[in-house]
Amino acid sequence: MPNRDPKYSEDEMQEKVAMYFADRKFRSSDPYNWDHIIPKVYREVRIPKIGRISDVIVYLTDRKIINIECKLSDYGFVLNQAKDHLKWADYSYICMASETYLPAYILDEMISHGIGLLFWHPNYFVEVLQSGYNKKKDKSIRESVMAELKKRNQIVTGKNEVASQSAIWE
């Protein structure tokens, strides 16, 4: 049975995930470019072509876009969401409360699809499974997501907007 912890909400988890990634700098994979990449982080992005809303999108470059689905429980539902987001995302993660029990068959399916797993505790994250690079994206879905992200070019804090670049998370 999935765990339910009333101490925090799914929305709080999404906010912490967004702030965590907005406050990080990433390295370019280009060996000749040592500049840090500052991500753009989006919350609650509607993806009509797959009938889903992405909880958190971390945009690094046009070829490195990470989708993160946050759930306190219901691992079966979130796994289906993460698989649907593989239709457009380069990397797909599931973020769940650190106390969540995940059966082996769910972990096996995540590994077989290259879906990563983050465990969230209100004070930190742990990457349990690293996401694999997704080579099987649908071009038209990807283009529609890119167009939506370009519409959200401002950096502001709040639901349905880009998370603040200056957010500090302990």
Protein backbone atom coordinates (compact mmCIF):
# COMPACT_ATOMS: atom_id res chain seq x y z
CA MET A 1 0.00 0.00 0.00
CA PRO A 2 1.45 3.41 -0.92
CA ASN A 3 2.42 5.65 1.96
CA ARG A 4 0.49 8.83 2.72
CA ASP A 5 2.16 11.44 4.91
CA PRO A 6 -0.01 14.41 5.87
CA LYS A 7 3.04 16.38 7.09
CA TYR A 8 3.60 17.80 3.62
CA SER A 9 1.77 18.11 0.33
CA GLU A 10 2.49 17.17 -3.25
CA ASP A 11 2.45 20.86 -4.16
CA GLU A 12 5.14 21.52 -1.53
CA MET A 13 7.22 18.70 -3.02
CA GLN A 14 6.88 20.21 -6.52
CA GLU A 15 7.88 23.63 -5.22
CA LYS A 16 10.97 22.23 -3.44
CA VAL A 17 11.99 20.25 -6.53
CA ALA A 18 11.63 23.36 -8.72
CA MET A 19 13.58 25.55 -6.30
CA TYR A 20 16.29 22.92 -5.86
CA PHE A 21 16.97 22.65 -9.59
CA ALA A 22 16.61 26.41 -10.20
CA ASP A 23 19.39 26.99 -7.69
CA ARG A 24 21.82 24.54 -9.34
CA LYS A 25 24.43 25.06 -12.01
CA PHE A 26 25.13 22.29 -14.50
CA ARG A 27 28.24 21.59 -16.54
CA SER A 28 28.16 21.48 -20.30
CA SER A 29 29.02 18.11 -21.82
CA ASP A 30 31.18 19.99 -24.34
CA PRO A 31 34.82 19.44 -23.24
CA TYR A 32 35.78 22.81 -24.75
CA ASN A 33 33.10 24.75 -22.88
CA TRP A 34 33.51 24.82 -19.11
CA ASP A 35 30.78 27.38 -18.58
CA HIS A 36 28.02 26.53 -16.16
CA ILE A 37 24.51 26.10 -17.51
CA ILE A 38 21.88 27.82 -15.42
CA PRO A 39 18.62 25.90 -15.86
CA LYS A 40 15.20 27.31 -16.53
CA VAL A 41 12.70 25.52 -14.34
CA TYR A 42 8.99 25.36 -15.13
CA ARG A 43 6.07 24.09 -13.06
CA GLU A 44 2.73 22.69 -14.13
CA VAL A 45 3.25 22.75 -17.90
CA ARG A 46 0.26 21.52 -19.87
CA ILE A 47 1.16 19.02 -22.64
CA PRO A 48 -2.08 18.64 -24.63
CA LYS A 49 -0.71 16.15 -27.18
CA ILE A 50 -0.31 13.52 -24.45
CA GLY A 51 -3.12 14.73 -22.20
CA ARG A 52 -0.80 15.39 -19.25
CA ILE A 53 0.52 18.22 -17.13
CA SER A 54 4.22 18.07 -16.33
CA ASP A 55 4.91 18.81 -12.67
CA VAL A 56 8.44 20.17 -13.16
CA ILE A 57 10.50 20.68 -16.31
CA VAL A 58 14.21 21.49 -16.05
CA TYR A 59 15.40 23.04 -19.31
CA LEU A 60 19.18 22.97 -19.69
CA THR A 61 19.62 23.10 -23.48
CA ASP A 62 17.52 22.18 -26.50
CA ARG A 63 18.96 18.67 -26.18
CA LYS A 64 18.77 18.35 -22.39
CA ILE A 65 15.28 18.68 -21.02
CA ILE A 66 14.33 16.84 -17.84
CA ASN A 67 10.78 16.02 -16.78
CA ILE A 68 10.09 15.32 -13.11
CA GLU A 69 6.78 13.88 -11.91
CA CYS A 70 6.13 14.32 -8.18
CA LYS A 71 3.87 12.04 -6.16
CA LEU A 72 3.55 11.34 -2.46
CA SER A 73 2.03 7.94 -3.25
CA ASP A 74 0.36 6.04 -6.12
CA TYR A 75 3.50 4.72 -7.76
CA GLY A 76 1.55 2.98 -10.53
CA PHE A 77 -0.07 6.20 -11.73
CA VAL A 78 3.15 8.23 -11.58
CA LEU A 79 5.00 5.52 -13.54
CA ASN A 80 2.45 5.84 -16.36
CA GLN A 81 2.87 9.62 -16.29
CA ALA A 82 6.65 9.36 -16.48
CA LYS A 83 6.40 6.93 -19.42
CA ASP A 84 4.06 9.33 -21.26
CA HIS A 85 6.54 12.18 -20.77
CA LEU A 86 9.21 10.05 -22.44
CA LYS A 87 7.37 10.88 -25.67
CA TRP A 88 9.05 14.31 -25.58
CA ALA A 89 11.60 14.57 -22.70
CA ASP A 90 15.29 13.73 -22.89
CA TYR A 91 15.24 12.48 -19.29
CA SER A 92 12.30 11.47 -17.11
CA TYR A 93 12.30 11.22 -13.33
CA ILE A 94 9.82 10.28 -10.66
CA CYS A 95 10.13 12.06 -7.33
CA MET A 96 8.46 10.43 -4.35
CA ALA A 97 8.52 10.83 -0.57
CA SER A 98 11.56 9.12 0.92
CA GLU A 99 9.37 6.83 3.03
CA THR A 100 7.54 5.42 0.01
CA TYR A 101 7.67 1.70 -0.52
CA LEU A 102 8.20 0.76 -4.17
CA PRO A 103 7.75 -2.88 -5.18
CA ALA A 104 10.53 -4.51 -7.16
CA TYR A 105 8.37 -4.82 -10.30
CA ILE A 106 7.90 -1.02 -10.36
CA LEU A 107 11.66 -0.47 -10.04
CA ASP A 108 12.26 -3.06 -12.78
CA GLU A 109 9.86 -1.24 -15.10
CA MET A 110 11.50 2.12 -14.33
CA ILE A 111 14.92 0.68 -15.15
CA SER A 112 13.66 -0.92 -18.38
CA HIS A 113 12.27 2.45 -19.56
CA GLY A 114 15.26 4.52 -18.35
CA ILE A 115 13.16 6.44 -15.82
CA GLY A 116 15.08 7.87 -12.89
CA LEU A 117 13.98 8.03 -9.26
CA LEU A 118 14.44 10.81 -6.73
CA PHE A 119 13.45 10.33 -3.11
CA TRP A 120 12.39 13.52 -1.41
CA HIS A 121 12.62 14.39 2.22
CA PRO A 122 11.59 17.93 3.21
CA ASN A 123 15.27 18.80 3.75
CA TYR A 124 17.05 16.97 0.91
CA PHE A 125 16.85 14.79 -2.22
CA VAL A 126 18.50 11.47 -3.01
CA GLU A 127 18.89 10.21 -6.57
CA VAL A 128 18.15 6.51 -6.26
CA LEU A 129 18.07 5.69 -9.99
CA GLN A 130 19.71 7.76 -12.69
CA SER A 131 17.58 8.43 -15.74
CA GLY A 132 18.86 7.23 -19.08
CA TYR A 133 18.92 9.45 -22.17
CA ASN A 134 15.72 8.99 -24.16
CA LYS A 135 16.32 8.55 -27.91
CA LYS A 136 12.70 7.73 -28.84
CA LYS A 137 11.00 11.14 -28.73
CA ASP A 138 8.06 12.14 -30.91
CA LYS A 139 9.17 15.19 -32.92
CA SER A 140 5.76 16.90 -33.05
CA ILE A 141 5.14 16.49 -29.31
CA ARG A 142 8.66 17.74 -28.57
CA GLU A 143 8.13 20.81 -30.77
CA SER A 144 4.83 21.64 -29.06
CA VAL A 145 6.49 21.42 -25.62
CA MET A 146 9.36 23.64 -26.81
CA ALA A 147 6.85 26.21 -28.10
CA GLU A 148 5.06 26.22 -24.74
CA LEU A 149 8.33 26.71 -22.87
CA LYS A 150 9.29 29.60 -25.15
CA LYS A 151 5.99 31.30 -24.25
CA ARG A 152 7.03 31.16 -20.60
CA ASN A 153 10.20 33.14 -21.03
CA GLN A 154 9.91 35.20 -17.84
CA ILE A 155 11.39 34.12 -14.56
CA VAL A 156 8.87 34.48 -11.75
CA THR A 157 7.88 32.45 -8.73
CA GLY A 158 4.59 30.63 -8.46
CA LYS A 159 2.48 27.82 -9.76
CA ASN A 160 2.32 27.56 -13.56
CA GLU A 161 5.38 29.74 -13.95
CA VAL A 162 9.15 29.42 -14.02
CA ALA A 163 10.64 28.90 -10.58
CA SER A 164 12.79 31.70 -9.22
CA GLN A 165 16.47 31.52 -10.17
CA SER A 166 17.40 33.11 -6.84
CA ALA A 167 15.50 30.63 -4.69
CA ILE A 168 17.54 29.18 -1.84
CA TRP A 169 16.77 25.69 -0.61
CA GLU A 170 18.47 24.17 2.41
